[in-house]
Protein backbone atom coordinates (compact mmCIF):
# COMPACT_ATOMS: atom_id res chain seq x y z
CA MET A 1 -25.30 5.51 18.11
CA ALA A 2 -24.48 3.36 15.14
CA ARG A 3 -25.01 -0.34 15.29
CA ARG A 4 -21.90 -2.47 15.20
CA ALA A 5 -21.22 -3.24 11.54
CA PRO A 6 -18.87 -5.64 9.82
CA ARG A 7 -15.35 -4.31 9.52
CA GLY A 8 -15.83 -3.57 5.85
CA THR A 9 -18.95 -1.47 6.38
CA ARG A 10 -18.40 0.27 9.69
CA ARG A 11 -19.58 3.87 9.64
CA THR A 12 -16.86 6.46 9.87
CA THR A 13 -17.07 9.85 11.52
CA GLY A 14 -14.67 12.52 10.32
CA THR A 15 -13.22 15.14 12.63
CA GLY A 16 -11.99 17.25 9.76
CA ALA A 17 -12.54 20.82 10.91
CA GLY A 18 -16.08 20.55 9.69
CA CYS A 19 -15.31 18.30 6.72
CA PRO A 20 -16.94 14.88 6.97
CA PRO A 21 -15.20 12.20 4.97
CA GLU A 22 -18.34 11.20 3.11
CA ASP A 23 -20.01 14.47 2.11
CA GLY A 24 -17.00 16.81 2.11
CA GLY A 25 -18.64 19.78 3.82
CA SER A 26 -17.02 23.19 3.99
CA PRO A 27 -14.35 23.41 6.69
CA ALA A 28 -15.18 26.91 7.90
CA PRO A 29 -17.55 29.86 7.68
CA GLY A 30 -16.38 30.33 4.08
CA ALA A 31 -15.16 27.96 1.45
CA ALA A 32 -11.51 28.75 2.01
CA VAL A 33 -9.21 30.87 4.11
CA SER A 34 -5.73 32.25 3.77
CA GLY A 35 -3.54 33.67 6.47
CA PRO A 36 -0.22 35.26 7.24
CA GLY A 37 2.20 32.32 7.39
CA ARG A 38 5.37 32.69 9.45
CA ALA A 39 5.99 36.27 10.50
CA ASP A 40 9.76 35.93 10.01
CA GLY A 41 9.48 34.44 6.54
CA GLY A 42 11.10 31.18 7.67
CA THR A 43 9.98 27.67 6.81
CA PRO A 44 7.45 26.07 9.19
CA VAL A 45 9.19 22.70 9.13
CA VAL A 46 6.81 20.83 11.45
CA THR A 47 3.70 22.21 9.78
CA TRP A 48 4.93 21.15 6.36
CA ALA A 49 6.03 17.77 7.71
CA LEU A 50 2.59 17.11 9.20
CA ILE A 51 0.94 18.07 5.92
CA ALA A 52 3.32 15.81 4.00
CA VAL A 53 2.70 12.83 6.28
CA CYS A 54 -1.09 13.24 6.13
CA CYS A 55 -0.97 13.49 2.34
CA ALA A 56 1.35 10.49 2.00
CA VAL A 57 -0.81 8.34 4.29
CA PHE A 58 -3.89 9.32 2.31
CA LEU A 59 -2.32 8.64 -1.09
CA VAL A 60 -1.05 5.17 -0.20
CA GLY A 61 -4.19 4.22 1.73
CA PRO A 62 -7.60 3.28 0.33
CA GLY A 63 -9.15 6.70 0.94
CA SER A 64 -7.62 8.23 -2.19
CA GLY A 65 -8.72 5.37 -4.44
CA LEU A 66 -5.35 5.59 -6.22
CA ASN A 67 -3.64 2.53 -4.77
CA PRO A 68 -4.48 -0.49 -6.96
CA ALA A 69 -3.62 -2.84 -4.10
CA TYR A 70 -7.03 -2.08 -2.55
CA GLY A 71 -9.00 -2.95 -5.66
CA THR A 72 -12.13 -1.19 -6.89
CA GLY A 73 -15.86 -1.19 -6.25
CA ASP A 74 -17.00 -3.35 -3.35
CA ALA A 75 -13.46 -4.51 -2.62
CA LEU A 76 -12.30 -0.92 -2.23
CA ALA A 77 -15.25 -0.05 -0.01
CA ALA A 78 -14.51 -3.03 2.24
CA ALA A 79 -10.83 -2.11 2.34
CA ARG A 80 -11.67 1.44 3.37
CA GLY A 81 -13.88 0.23 6.20
CA ALA A 82 -11.23 -2.16 7.48
CA TYR A 83 -8.46 0.44 7.13
CA PHE A 84 -10.39 3.13 8.99
CA ALA A 85 -11.34 0.67 11.73
CA ARG A 86 -7.70 -0.40 12.08
CA TRP A 87 -6.22 3.09 12.42
CA GLY A 88 -9.17 5.19 13.59
CA VAL A 89 -10.70 5.57 17.03
CA ILE A 90 -13.64 3.33 17.87
CA PRO A 91 -15.04 4.75 21.13
CA ALA A 92 -16.43 1.45 22.42
CA GLU A 93 -13.10 -0.30 21.87
CA LEU A 94 -11.10 2.54 23.42
CA ALA A 95 -13.39 2.60 26.46
CA GLY A 96 -13.16 -1.17 26.75
CA GLY A 97 -9.37 -1.22 26.59
CA ALA A 98 -9.17 -3.28 23.40
CA PRO A 99 -5.61 -4.23 22.40
CA GLY A 100 -3.95 -1.39 20.53
CA ALA A 101 -6.86 1.00 21.07
CA LEU A 102 -4.83 3.39 23.22
CA LEU A 103 -2.68 4.30 20.22
CA THR A 104 -5.58 5.05 17.89
CA PRO A 105 -6.17 8.65 19.10
CA PHE A 106 -2.72 9.35 17.65
CA THR A 107 -2.89 7.26 14.48
CA ALA A 108 -6.36 8.59 13.61
CA LEU A 109 -4.89 12.10 13.27
CA PHE A 110 -3.18 11.06 10.04
CA VAL A 111 -6.11 9.24 8.41
CA HIS A 112 -8.66 11.01 6.19
CA GLY A 113 -11.76 9.73 4.46
CA ASN A 114 -11.65 11.47 1.09
CA TRP A 115 -10.04 14.30 -0.84
CA LEU A 116 -12.21 17.09 0.58
CA HIS A 117 -11.70 15.81 4.10
CA LEU A 118 -7.92 15.87 3.60
CA LEU A 119 -7.71 19.18 1.73
CA GLY A 120 -9.99 21.03 4.14
CA ASN A 121 -7.88 19.97 7.10
CA MET A 122 -4.55 20.65 5.41
CA LEU A 123 -5.69 24.11 4.32
CA PHE A 124 -6.41 25.06 7.92
CA LEU A 125 -3.15 23.56 9.14
CA TYR A 126 -1.24 25.48 6.47
CA VAL A 127 -2.94 28.80 7.29
CA PHE A 128 -2.80 28.68 11.08
CA GLY A 129 0.03 26.26 11.82
CA ALA A 130 3.02 28.31 10.65
CA MET A 131 2.81 31.22 13.08
CA THR A 132 1.73 28.97 15.93
CA GLU A 133 4.73 26.73 15.29
CA GLU A 134 7.02 29.75 15.12
CA HIS A 135 5.86 30.98 18.52
CA LEU A 136 5.78 27.63 20.32
CA GLY A 137 8.94 26.23 18.76
CA ARG A 138 9.18 23.08 16.69
CA LEU A 139 9.38 20.47 19.45
CA ARG A 140 6.73 22.04 21.63
CA PHE A 141 4.43 22.55 18.64
CA THR A 142 4.82 18.89 17.66
CA LEU A 143 3.98 17.67 21.15
CA PHE A 144 1.13 20.17 21.43
CA TYR A 145 -0.36 19.10 18.10
CA LEU A 146 -0.22 15.38 18.83
CA GLY A 147 -1.24 15.64 22.48
CA ALA A 148 -4.14 18.03 21.96
CA GLY A 149 -5.39 16.11 18.94
CA ALA A 150 -5.33 12.79 20.77
CA ALA A 151 -7.01 14.34 23.81
CA ALA A 152 -9.80 15.78 21.66
CA LEU A 153 -10.52 12.39 20.09
CA ALA A 154 -10.31 10.65 23.47
CA ALA A 155 -12.75 13.17 24.96
CA TYR A 156 -15.24 12.50 22.18
CA ALA A 157 -14.80 8.76 22.69
CA ALA A 158 -15.36 9.11 26.45
CA ALA A 159 -18.57 11.05 25.85
CA ASN A 160 -19.77 8.40 23.38
CA ALA A 161 -18.34 5.29 24.98
CA ASP A 162 -20.95 2.96 23.48
CA SER A 163 -20.45 4.19 19.93
CA GLU A 164 -18.90 1.98 17.30
CA GLN A 165 -18.55 4.70 14.69
CA THR A 166 -14.94 5.14 13.67
CA LEU A 167 -13.34 8.55 14.22
CA ILE A 168 -10.69 9.71 11.77
CA GLY A 169 -9.12 13.02 10.82
CA ALA A 170 -6.70 15.66 12.02
CA SER A 171 -9.11 18.32 13.10
CA GLY A 172 -8.97 17.64 16.82
CA ALA A 173 -5.34 18.73 16.55
CA ILE A 174 -6.05 21.48 14.02
CA SER A 175 -8.82 22.86 16.21
CA ALA A 176 -6.27 23.10 19.02
CA VAL A 177 -4.02 25.08 16.67
CA LEU A 178 -6.95 27.41 15.94
CA GLY A 179 -7.56 27.93 19.65
CA ALA A 180 -3.92 28.74 20.32
CA PHE A 181 -3.81 31.05 17.30
CA LEU A 182 -6.86 32.94 18.54
CA PHE A 183 -5.15 33.73 21.84
CA LEU A 184 -1.73 34.49 20.39
CA PHE A 185 -2.69 36.42 17.26
CA PRO A 186 -6.25 37.73 17.64
CA LYS A 187 -5.67 40.65 15.26
CA ALA A 188 -3.88 38.77 12.48
CA ARG A 189 -5.79 39.23 9.24
CA VAL A 190 -7.39 36.18 7.66
CA THR A 191 -9.00 36.10 4.23
CA SER A 192 -12.13 33.97 3.93
CA LEU A 193 -14.26 33.25 0.88
CA PHE A 194 -17.89 33.80 1.78
CA PRO A 195 -20.61 32.38 -0.49
CA PHE A 196 -22.97 35.24 -1.17
CA LEU A 197 -24.19 35.55 -4.79
CA PHE A 198 -20.66 34.41 -5.59
CA PHE A 199 -17.59 33.64 -3.53
CA LEU A 200 -16.48 36.98 -2.13
CA PRO A 201 -13.01 37.24 -0.52
CA LEU A 202 -13.19 39.25 2.70
CA ARG A 203 -10.47 39.98 5.24
CA PHE A 204 -11.23 39.84 8.95
CA PRO A 205 -9.24 39.71 12.17
CA ALA A 206 -8.59 36.14 13.25
CA ARG A 207 -10.72 36.64 16.33
CA VAL A 208 -13.77 37.27 14.12
CA VAL A 209 -13.21 34.27 11.84
CA LEU A 210 -12.26 31.85 14.61
CA VAL A 211 -14.96 32.87 17.07
CA PHE A 212 -17.50 32.54 14.24
CA TRP A 213 -16.07 29.11 13.43
CA PHE A 214 -16.31 28.07 17.10
CA VAL A 215 -19.92 29.23 17.33
CA LEU A 216 -20.83 27.23 14.21
CA GLN A 217 -19.22 24.13 15.71
CA TRP A 218 -21.05 24.64 19.00
CA LEU A 219 -24.40 25.12 17.26
CA ALA A 220 -23.86 21.96 15.22
CA ALA A 221 -22.74 19.99 18.29
CA THR A 222 -25.83 20.99 20.28
CA GLY A 223 -28.24 20.44 17.42
CA LEU A 224 -29.18 24.13 17.27
CA GLY A 225 -27.52 24.64 13.90
CA GLN A 226 -26.98 22.79 10.67
CA GLY A 227 -24.48 19.97 10.92
CA SER A 228 -23.58 16.59 9.52
CA PRO A 229 -23.96 13.34 11.48
CA ALA A 230 -20.63 12.30 9.98
CA VAL A 231 -18.72 15.04 11.84
CA ALA A 232 -17.52 14.79 15.46
CA TYR A 233 -18.15 18.41 16.43
CA LEU A 234 -17.41 17.74 20.09
CA ALA A 235 -13.83 16.85 19.17
CA HIS A 236 -13.53 20.24 17.44
CA LEU A 237 -14.79 22.07 20.52
CA VAL A 238 -12.55 20.16 22.91
CA GLY A 239 -9.49 20.63 20.72
CA PHE A 240 -10.16 24.35 20.35
CA ALA A 241 -10.59 24.77 24.11
CA ILE A 242 -7.38 22.85 24.81
CA GLY A 243 -5.43 25.03 22.39
CA PHE A 244 -6.78 28.31 23.71
CA LEU A 245 -6.28 27.34 27.35
CA TYR A 246 -2.78 26.05 26.67
CA ALA A 247 -1.75 29.33 25.02
CA TRP A 248 -3.39 31.33 27.79
CA GLY A 249 -1.72 29.27 30.49
CA ARG A 250 1.73 29.45 28.95
CA PHE A 251 1.80 32.99 27.57
CA ARG A 252 -0.55 35.01 29.75
CA ARG A 253 2.25 36.65 31.75
CA PRO A 254 4.06 38.21 28.79
CA ALA A 255 1.90 40.60 26.81
CA ARG A 256 -0.26 39.00 24.21
CA VAL A 257 1.84 38.21 21.17
CA ARG A 258 0.99 39.97 17.93
CA PRO A 259 2.50 39.31 14.51
CA PRO A 260 4.52 42.13 12.92
CA ALA A 261 2.83 44.75 10.76
CA ALA A 262 3.77 42.94 7.55
CA ALA A 263 1.54 40.06 8.58
CA THR A 264 -1.35 42.17 9.88
CA GLU A 265 -2.17 44.63 7.18
CA GLY A 266 -3.34 47.99 8.47
CA ASP A 267 -3.44 46.84 12.06
CA SER A 268 -1.23 49.06 14.21
CA GLN A 269 -3.21 49.27 17.41
CA PRO A 270 -1.90 47.38 20.48
């Protein structure tokens, strides 16, 4: 656990789908993914709105380094620490019932540490959010995203109640979207860039990509695989489990939903 640091220097843990705010690690098995979008060709209003809000918060905050109000150099670093501590989750304060701490699992979902942290999360939300939103409906998807994301951060905080590292990032919520997507659209095709001798684009069923992603998160969380101390892998696992179980609980009686053929190239088997 990190020692308690001054507000301007408090360590920050990113929950960005594998992207820590400080070292900007890759968000998934490959460097990037692309997916089917909405099956009906409509606009995923909530998904785009969430992306827009996260980007706007990042641009006006100190994380982007573009707002002159936060200064430069040491002043900017101090401002970042204070900003993340104000809007992020600090497990010890949440566990202790500090004033305003109960809201931070929600506010932290819109705060990101750097450009790679933001872009990695928004890429995953863009790829997997549209079809999930289409199936759940806009209101239910909004509540699901916020509730699951906050629950994932709160679960991490409960498991690390003495920690004073600040948790920020949307990936508790995005991991829940991934879990729901895996149940709803296991055969949807997802393109991932895998770093072999060069970045090679390969298409796999979502169940392959997402199960692989989950295994990597689990290995990192348990210390059996490579991970970054700046990433809250437990929040990823909890969010993913919440999303999968929610989709299973709500949609298990109808047949498993599959996207139309246009969104699942060459996949015609039930």
